[in-house]
Amino acid sequence: MKQFFITATDTDAGKTFVSCALIQALHRQNKSVAAFKPVAAGCELIDEQLINEDAKLLSQYANRGQSIKKINPIAFLEPIAPHIAAKKDNKSILVSDIERHFLSVSALQADFTIIEGAGGWRLPLGSVNNQQQFMSDFAIKAKLDVILVVNMKLGCLNHALLTYEAIKADGLHCIAWVANCAEPQSMQNLAQNIDELKQLLPIPNIAQFTYLSSIDDEGKDVTLHQNICIAANQINLAPLMS
């Protein structure tokens, strides 16, 4: 049973897209996969339940029969920093609560569990008893291996190295990284930047995703599922299977 925490160099880096593509790739290896996105801000209220689009997408790919609520137990309506959303709702986000919810996910005994963080590695969850908590605290306590999604844009070399060094300093193994172009406009010298990161990061690069549009070169519509399947074909699973 393997459990991977998906983090990124910043927000909107494509963590959900990468997570779903990874789950799809694992399905093709006949693996059972559970998903967990402990905290999400930015939801729609449907039938008195807060539904986050990223969690909904994860629920469509994970194959252990989880409800959206089980995948995303802590949700807030406004698309703002989670700890600010929690404070506005007079609530607290506790690492201990995340751990408790994660126990039910681990109990599914999936071959793989994909845990998607929120924002970047050091996302604040708020202060409890005058002590600041971070999303990384959960990953540390759960002793999760980490996959880093690098948002390929100006500044990503610095962001990637600092994030990798923080993960390592926290005592965890960052086992692989993904180069993801989350914006339609590619960064200048993209290939050179990817090559530079391959030299600087002492871990395998398991995928390089260009921006996948909703319209192909012939002007035909391309669904998100089709793009996820395309991305799944490009993932090298070998470093994750040993």
Protein backbone atom coordinates (compact mmCIF):
# COMPACT_ATOMS: atom_id res chain seq x y z
CA MET A 1 0.00 0.00 0.00
CA LYS A 2 1.60 3.26 -1.17
CA GLN A 3 0.51 6.76 -0.21
CA PHE A 4 1.68 9.86 -2.07
CA PHE A 5 1.18 13.49 -1.09
CA ILE A 6 0.89 15.80 -4.10
CA THR A 7 2.22 19.28 -3.44
CA ALA A 8 3.23 22.12 -5.75
CA THR A 9 5.42 25.16 -6.11
CA ASP A 10 2.36 27.42 -5.80
CA THR A 11 -1.41 27.49 -6.07
CA ASP A 12 -3.11 26.79 -9.43
CA ALA A 13 -0.13 24.69 -10.49
CA GLY A 14 -2.31 21.80 -11.65
CA LYS A 15 -2.21 19.47 -8.65
CA THR A 16 -5.69 18.10 -9.34
CA PHE A 17 -5.00 17.53 -13.03
CA VAL A 18 -1.75 15.74 -12.21
CA SER A 19 -3.45 13.71 -9.45
CA CYS A 20 -6.23 12.56 -11.76
CA ALA A 21 -3.77 11.70 -14.53
CA LEU A 22 -1.71 9.71 -12.04
CA ILE A 23 -4.80 7.85 -10.81
CA GLN A 24 -5.79 7.11 -14.42
CA ALA A 25 -2.31 5.76 -15.15
CA LEU A 26 -2.47 3.53 -12.07
CA HIS A 27 -5.88 2.22 -13.12
CA ARG A 28 -4.29 1.01 -16.34
CA GLN A 29 -1.98 -1.08 -14.18
CA ASN A 30 -5.07 -2.61 -12.54
CA LYS A 31 -4.37 -0.86 -9.24
CA SER A 32 -7.00 0.23 -6.73
CA VAL A 33 -6.65 3.93 -5.92
CA ALA A 34 -8.18 6.05 -3.16
CA ALA A 35 -8.11 9.86 -3.12
CA PHE A 36 -7.96 12.40 -0.32
CA LYS A 37 -8.10 16.18 -0.49
CA PRO A 38 -8.39 17.09 3.18
CA VAL A 39 -8.96 20.84 2.85
CA ALA A 40 -10.56 22.89 0.07
CA ALA A 41 -11.78 26.46 -0.16
CA GLY A 42 -13.97 27.49 -3.05
CA CYS A 43 -17.10 25.36 -3.18
CA GLU A 44 -20.65 25.33 -4.46
CA LEU A 45 -23.49 24.63 -2.06
CA ILE A 46 -25.49 21.74 -3.53
CA ASP A 47 -28.25 20.04 -1.54
CA GLU A 48 -26.81 21.57 1.65
CA GLN A 49 -23.38 20.07 0.93
CA LEU A 50 -20.27 22.04 -0.01
CA ILE A 51 -18.90 20.60 -3.24
CA ASN A 52 -15.41 21.48 -4.38
CA GLU A 53 -14.80 20.95 -8.10
CA ASP A 54 -11.33 19.48 -7.56
CA ALA A 55 -12.68 16.99 -5.01
CA LYS A 56 -15.53 16.14 -7.37
CA LEU A 57 -13.04 15.42 -10.14
CA LEU A 58 -10.95 13.23 -7.87
CA SER A 59 -14.09 11.28 -6.94
CA GLN A 60 -14.65 10.51 -10.62
CA TYR A 61 -11.23 8.85 -10.94
CA ALA A 62 -10.63 7.15 -7.60
CA ASN A 63 -12.09 3.63 -7.62
CA ARG A 64 -12.69 2.79 -3.97
CA GLY A 65 -16.30 3.98 -3.79
CA GLN A 66 -15.61 7.15 -1.82
CA SER A 67 -18.12 9.97 -1.55
CA ILE A 68 -16.99 13.55 -2.20
CA LYS A 69 -17.37 14.20 1.54
CA LYS A 70 -15.00 11.34 2.34
CA ILE A 71 -12.48 12.65 -0.18
CA ASN A 72 -12.82 16.27 0.97
CA PRO A 73 -13.99 16.38 4.60
CA ILE A 74 -13.04 20.01 5.33
CA ALA A 75 -14.56 22.48 2.87
CA PHE A 76 -15.30 26.20 2.77
CA LEU A 77 -17.52 28.21 0.45
CA GLU A 78 -15.29 31.15 -0.44
CA PRO A 79 -12.29 30.68 -2.80
CA ILE A 80 -9.80 32.20 -0.38
CA ALA A 81 -6.97 30.93 1.82
CA PRO A 82 -8.46 28.08 3.89
CA HIS A 83 -7.33 29.41 7.27
CA ILE A 84 -8.95 32.78 6.50
CA ALA A 85 -12.15 31.03 5.34
CA ALA A 86 -12.16 28.99 8.55
CA LYS A 87 -11.72 32.08 10.69
CA LYS A 88 -14.61 33.83 8.93
CA ASP A 89 -16.78 30.78 9.69
CA ASN A 90 -15.61 30.73 13.34
CA LYS A 91 -13.96 27.35 12.77
CA SER A 92 -10.50 25.89 13.16
CA ILE A 93 -8.62 23.55 10.86
CA LEU A 94 -6.89 21.01 13.06
CA VAL A 95 -4.16 18.68 11.86
CA SER A 96 -5.56 16.12 14.30
CA ASP A 97 -8.91 16.26 12.46
CA ILE A 98 -7.19 15.73 9.12
CA GLU A 99 -5.37 12.73 10.60
CA ARG A 100 -8.67 11.32 11.86
CA HIS A 101 -10.31 11.64 8.45
CA PHE A 102 -7.26 10.10 6.81
CA LEU A 103 -7.62 6.98 8.95
CA SER A 104 -10.89 6.17 7.17
CA VAL A 105 -9.16 6.58 3.80
CA SER A 106 -6.25 4.36 4.82
CA ALA A 107 -8.75 1.77 6.04
CA LEU A 108 -9.83 1.26 2.42
CA GLN A 109 -6.53 -0.57 1.89
CA ALA A 110 -6.13 0.73 -1.64
CA ASP A 111 -3.00 -0.21 -3.56
CA PHE A 112 -2.31 3.52 -3.88
CA THR A 113 -3.68 6.57 -2.12
CA ILE A 114 -3.25 9.98 -3.74
CA ILE A 115 -3.45 12.85 -1.26
CA GLU A 116 -3.75 16.29 -2.80
CA GLY A 117 -2.59 19.22 -0.72
CA ALA A 118 -3.83 22.79 -1.04
CA GLY A 119 -1.70 25.65 -2.30
CA GLY A 120 2.00 25.00 -1.77
CA TRP A 121 3.99 23.02 0.76
CA ARG A 122 3.80 25.46 3.64
CA LEU A 123 0.09 26.30 3.37
CA PRO A 124 -1.08 27.84 6.71
CA LEU A 125 -4.00 26.14 8.42
CA GLY A 126 -4.28 28.70 11.21
CA SER A 127 -3.12 29.02 14.77
CA VAL A 128 -4.19 26.66 17.56
CA ASN A 129 -3.21 27.50 21.13
CA ASN A 130 -0.89 30.18 19.74
CA GLN A 131 0.92 27.62 17.61
CA GLN A 132 0.78 27.91 13.82
CA GLN A 133 -0.21 24.79 11.90
CA PHE A 134 0.56 24.01 8.26
CA MET A 135 -0.65 21.48 5.73
CA SER A 136 2.89 20.11 5.71
CA ASP A 137 2.42 19.15 9.38
CA PHE A 138 -0.11 16.53 8.31
CA ALA A 139 2.22 15.08 5.67
CA ILE A 140 5.01 14.96 8.25
CA LYS A 141 2.90 13.19 10.87
CA ALA A 142 1.57 10.71 8.30
CA LYS A 143 5.14 10.16 7.00
CA LEU A 144 4.01 10.51 3.41
CA ASP A 145 6.21 10.34 0.35
CA VAL A 146 5.85 13.52 -1.69
CA ILE A 147 5.47 14.24 -5.41
CA LEU A 148 6.22 17.82 -6.40
CA VAL A 149 4.30 19.53 -9.21
CA VAL A 150 6.37 22.36 -10.66
CA ASN A 151 4.36 25.11 -12.31
CA MET A 152 6.57 25.91 -15.30
CA LYS A 153 6.70 29.68 -15.35
CA LEU A 154 9.19 32.44 -14.63
CA GLY A 155 10.58 31.89 -11.14
CA CYS A 156 9.89 28.15 -11.05
CA LEU A 157 13.54 27.16 -10.57
CA ASN A 158 13.71 29.03 -7.29
CA HIS A 159 10.26 27.86 -6.20
CA ALA A 160 11.03 24.23 -7.03
CA LEU A 161 14.37 24.18 -5.21
CA LEU A 162 13.04 25.93 -2.11
CA THR A 163 10.05 23.57 -1.94
CA TYR A 164 12.23 20.50 -2.40
CA GLU A 165 14.64 21.71 0.29
CA ALA A 166 11.75 22.38 2.70
CA ILE A 167 10.33 18.89 2.17
CA LYS A 168 13.76 17.36 2.76
CA ALA A 169 14.35 19.52 5.85
CA ASP A 170 11.00 18.30 7.22
CA GLY A 171 12.36 14.76 7.12
CA LEU A 172 10.27 13.47 4.22
CA HIS A 173 11.19 11.91 0.91
CA CYS A 174 10.31 13.91 -2.19
CA ILE A 175 10.41 10.97 -4.56
CA ALA A 176 9.55 12.53 -7.92
CA TRP A 177 8.56 15.72 -9.69
CA VAL A 178 6.28 16.69 -12.57
CA ALA A 179 6.81 19.60 -14.96
CA ASN A 180 3.37 21.08 -15.62
CA CYS A 181 2.45 23.97 -17.92
CA ALA A 182 -0.67 25.24 -16.18
CA GLU A 183 -1.06 28.33 -18.39
CA PRO A 184 -1.81 28.58 -22.15
CA GLN A 185 1.22 30.80 -22.70
CA SER A 186 4.37 28.69 -22.41
CA MET A 187 7.30 30.17 -20.55
CA GLN A 188 10.29 31.23 -22.59
CA ASN A 189 13.02 28.61 -22.92
CA LEU A 190 10.74 25.93 -21.48
CA ALA A 191 12.91 22.98 -22.53
CA GLN A 192 16.03 24.60 -21.08
CA ASN A 193 14.28 25.24 -17.76
CA ILE A 194 13.09 21.63 -17.56
CA ASP A 195 16.62 20.42 -18.33
CA GLU A 196 17.99 22.71 -15.63
CA LEU A 197 15.56 21.30 -13.06
CA LYS A 198 16.52 17.77 -14.06
CA GLN A 199 20.07 18.67 -13.11
CA LEU A 200 19.18 20.55 -9.92
CA LEU A 201 16.59 18.18 -8.44
CA PRO A 202 18.11 14.82 -7.43
CA ILE A 203 14.85 12.95 -8.01
CA PRO A 204 13.16 11.48 -11.11
CA ASN A 205 11.09 13.64 -13.42
CA ILE A 206 8.12 11.34 -14.10
CA ALA A 207 6.19 13.57 -16.53
CA GLN A 208 6.30 16.76 -18.57
CA PHE A 209 2.86 18.14 -19.38
CA THR A 210 2.35 20.86 -21.94
CA TYR A 211 -0.79 22.97 -21.65
CA LEU A 212 -3.67 20.84 -22.94
CA SER A 213 -6.36 23.00 -24.51
CA SER A 214 -10.08 22.24 -24.68
CA ILE A 215 -9.84 22.66 -28.46
CA ASP A 216 -7.51 20.61 -30.67
CA ASP A 217 -5.54 21.75 -33.72
CA GLU A 218 -8.53 21.01 -35.96
CA GLY A 219 -10.88 23.16 -33.87
CA LYS A 220 -12.67 20.19 -32.31
CA ASP A 221 -13.65 20.12 -28.65
CA VAL A 222 -11.47 18.10 -26.32
CA THR A 223 -12.95 17.07 -22.97
CA LEU A 224 -11.09 17.32 -19.69
CA HIS A 225 -11.26 13.53 -19.43
CA GLN A 226 -9.57 13.17 -22.81
CA ASN A 227 -6.79 15.51 -21.71
CA ILE A 228 -6.36 13.60 -18.46
CA CYS A 229 -6.06 10.37 -20.45
CA ILE A 230 -3.47 11.98 -22.73
CA ALA A 231 -1.50 13.09 -19.67
CA ALA A 232 -1.80 9.63 -18.08
CA ASN A 233 -0.06 8.14 -21.12
CA GLN A 234 2.93 10.41 -20.49
CA ILE A 235 3.61 9.41 -16.87
CA ASN A 236 6.54 7.15 -16.06
CA LEU A 237 5.22 5.08 -13.17
CA ALA A 238 8.37 3.02 -12.68
CA PRO A 239 9.89 5.22 -9.91
CA LEU A 240 6.60 5.01 -7.98
CA MET A 241 6.15 1.25 -8.19
CA SER A 242 9.33 0.04 -6.47
